[in-house]
Protein backbone atom coordinates (compact mmCIF):
# COMPACT_ATOMS: atom_id res chain seq x y z
CA UNK A 1 77.15 95.73 127.61
CA UNK A 2 80.83 96.25 126.75
CA UNK A 3 81.70 98.36 123.78
CA UNK A 4 83.40 96.30 121.12
CA UNK A 5 87.13 97.11 120.97
CA UNK A 6 87.94 98.62 117.59
CA UNK A 7 91.02 97.36 115.82
CA UNK A 8 94.09 99.40 116.56
CA UNK A 9 92.46 101.26 119.47
CA UNK A 10 95.73 101.53 121.43
CA UNK A 11 97.70 102.56 118.38
CA UNK A 12 95.04 105.18 117.57
CA UNK A 13 95.70 106.69 121.05
CA UNK A 14 99.43 106.43 120.88
CA UNK A 15 100.10 107.87 117.39
CA UNK A 16 98.69 111.36 118.22
CA UNK A 17 100.75 111.40 121.37
CA UNK A 18 103.96 110.54 119.46
CA UNK A 19 102.99 113.09 116.80
CA UNK A 20 102.72 115.81 119.45
CA UNK A 21 105.97 114.92 121.25
CA UNK A 22 107.99 114.75 118.04
CA UNK A 23 106.51 118.00 116.70
CA UNK A 24 107.44 119.81 119.92
CA UNK A 25 110.93 118.38 119.76
CA UNK A 26 111.43 119.55 116.21
CA UNK A 27 110.29 123.09 117.18
CA UNK A 28 112.58 123.12 120.28
CA UNK A 29 115.57 121.80 118.45
CA UNK A 30 118.63 124.00 118.09
CA UNK A 31 118.89 122.81 114.45
CA UNK A 32 117.15 125.42 112.18
CA UNK A 33 116.42 122.69 109.61
CA UNK A 34 114.27 120.88 112.12
CA UNK A 35 112.44 124.06 113.25
CA UNK A 36 110.91 124.38 109.78
CA UNK A 37 109.98 120.73 109.50
CA UNK A 38 106.46 119.38 110.09
CA UNK A 39 105.39 115.89 111.24
CA UNK A 40 102.75 114.89 108.64
CA UNK A 41 102.03 111.32 109.78
CA UNK A 42 102.99 108.82 112.46
CA UNK A 43 102.75 105.10 111.97
CA UNK A 44 103.52 102.78 114.93
CA UNK A 45 103.60 99.00 114.70
CA UNK A 46 100.98 97.08 116.64
CA UNK A 47 103.66 95.63 118.96
CA UNK A 48 104.97 99.22 119.69
CA UNK A 49 108.48 98.18 118.69
CA UNK A 50 108.82 100.48 115.70
CA UNK A 51 107.52 103.89 114.69
CA UNK A 52 107.85 105.63 111.38
CA UNK A 53 107.50 109.42 111.48
CA UNK A 54 106.85 111.13 108.21
CA UNK A 55 108.30 114.62 108.05
CA UNK A 56 107.91 117.33 105.50
CA UNK A 57 109.47 120.71 105.03
CA UNK A 58 108.61 123.59 102.79
CA UNK A 59 112.36 124.22 102.38
CA UNK A 60 113.37 122.12 99.47
CA UNK A 61 116.68 120.98 101.02
CA UNK A 62 115.51 117.35 101.58
CA UNK A 63 119.09 116.05 102.01
CA UNK A 64 119.71 118.61 104.69
CA UNK A 65 116.48 117.71 106.51
CA UNK A 66 117.27 114.01 106.33
CA UNK A 67 120.81 114.58 107.75
CA UNK A 68 119.39 116.79 110.48
CA UNK A 69 116.82 114.18 111.51
CA UNK A 70 119.49 111.44 111.55
CA UNK A 71 121.78 113.57 113.65
CA UNK A 72 119.13 114.34 116.19
CA UNK A 73 117.38 110.91 116.23
CA UNK A 74 119.00 109.82 119.52
CA UNK A 75 118.00 113.00 121.32
CA UNK A 76 114.39 112.85 119.94
CA UNK A 77 114.24 109.16 120.84
CA UNK A 78 115.31 109.87 124.40
CA UNK A 79 112.77 112.73 124.77
CA UNK A 80 110.00 110.36 123.45
CA UNK A 81 111.06 107.83 126.08
CA UNK A 82 110.79 110.30 128.89
CA UNK A 83 107.30 111.58 127.82
CA UNK A 84 105.61 108.43 126.56
CA UNK A 85 104.00 106.33 129.33
CA UNK A 86 103.87 103.02 127.52
CA UNK A 87 105.73 99.88 128.56
CA UNK A 88 107.68 99.84 125.30
CA UNK A 89 109.05 102.90 123.67
CA UNK A 90 109.05 102.38 119.89
CA UNK A 91 112.28 102.83 117.98
CA UNK A 92 111.72 105.79 115.72
CA UNK A 93 112.76 106.09 112.12
CA UNK A 94 112.20 109.13 109.95
CA UNK A 95 110.87 109.23 106.38
CA UNK A 96 110.71 112.34 104.27
CA UNK A 97 107.16 113.00 103.11
CA UNK A 98 107.08 114.36 99.47
CA UNK A 99 103.28 114.91 99.46
CA UNK A 100 103.45 118.72 99.41
CA UNK A 101 106.25 118.76 96.89
CA UNK A 102 104.29 116.48 94.56
CA UNK A 103 101.15 118.69 94.97
CA UNK A 104 103.23 121.72 93.96
CA UNK A 105 104.37 119.90 90.80
CA UNK A 106 100.81 118.85 89.98
CA UNK A 107 99.56 122.47 90.41
CA UNK A 108 102.30 123.69 88.19
CA UNK A 109 101.37 121.16 85.49
CA UNK A 110 97.71 122.05 85.80
CA UNK A 111 98.54 125.72 85.51
CA UNK A 112 100.70 125.20 82.41
CA UNK A 113 97.95 122.99 80.85
CA UNK A 114 95.34 125.70 81.41
CA UNK A 115 97.56 128.34 79.78
CA UNK A 116 97.43 126.56 76.40
């Protein structure tokens, strides 16, 4: 009996691969802004044409991170192409993930509320 294919099985295998490749590239980058950045989530379209990579940084210079990602996108895209073994290499785009920043703000608000 064949196991029923779960929806998005291929994407569930590819997203972690892309996550790992991009994370390694950020660490290896000569740009110090990228060395401190973390890939928080990867979302690839079902047709493998597009991939959104959510990136976060504990440094609060979001504009700097965004510029660094844009500047290095081609190089990172090329590296993804050489390491990923799929027929199509998704076109990557970066989004800044503000989750940690928002969590800090919430913690600060909770702390202030408890002081009263």
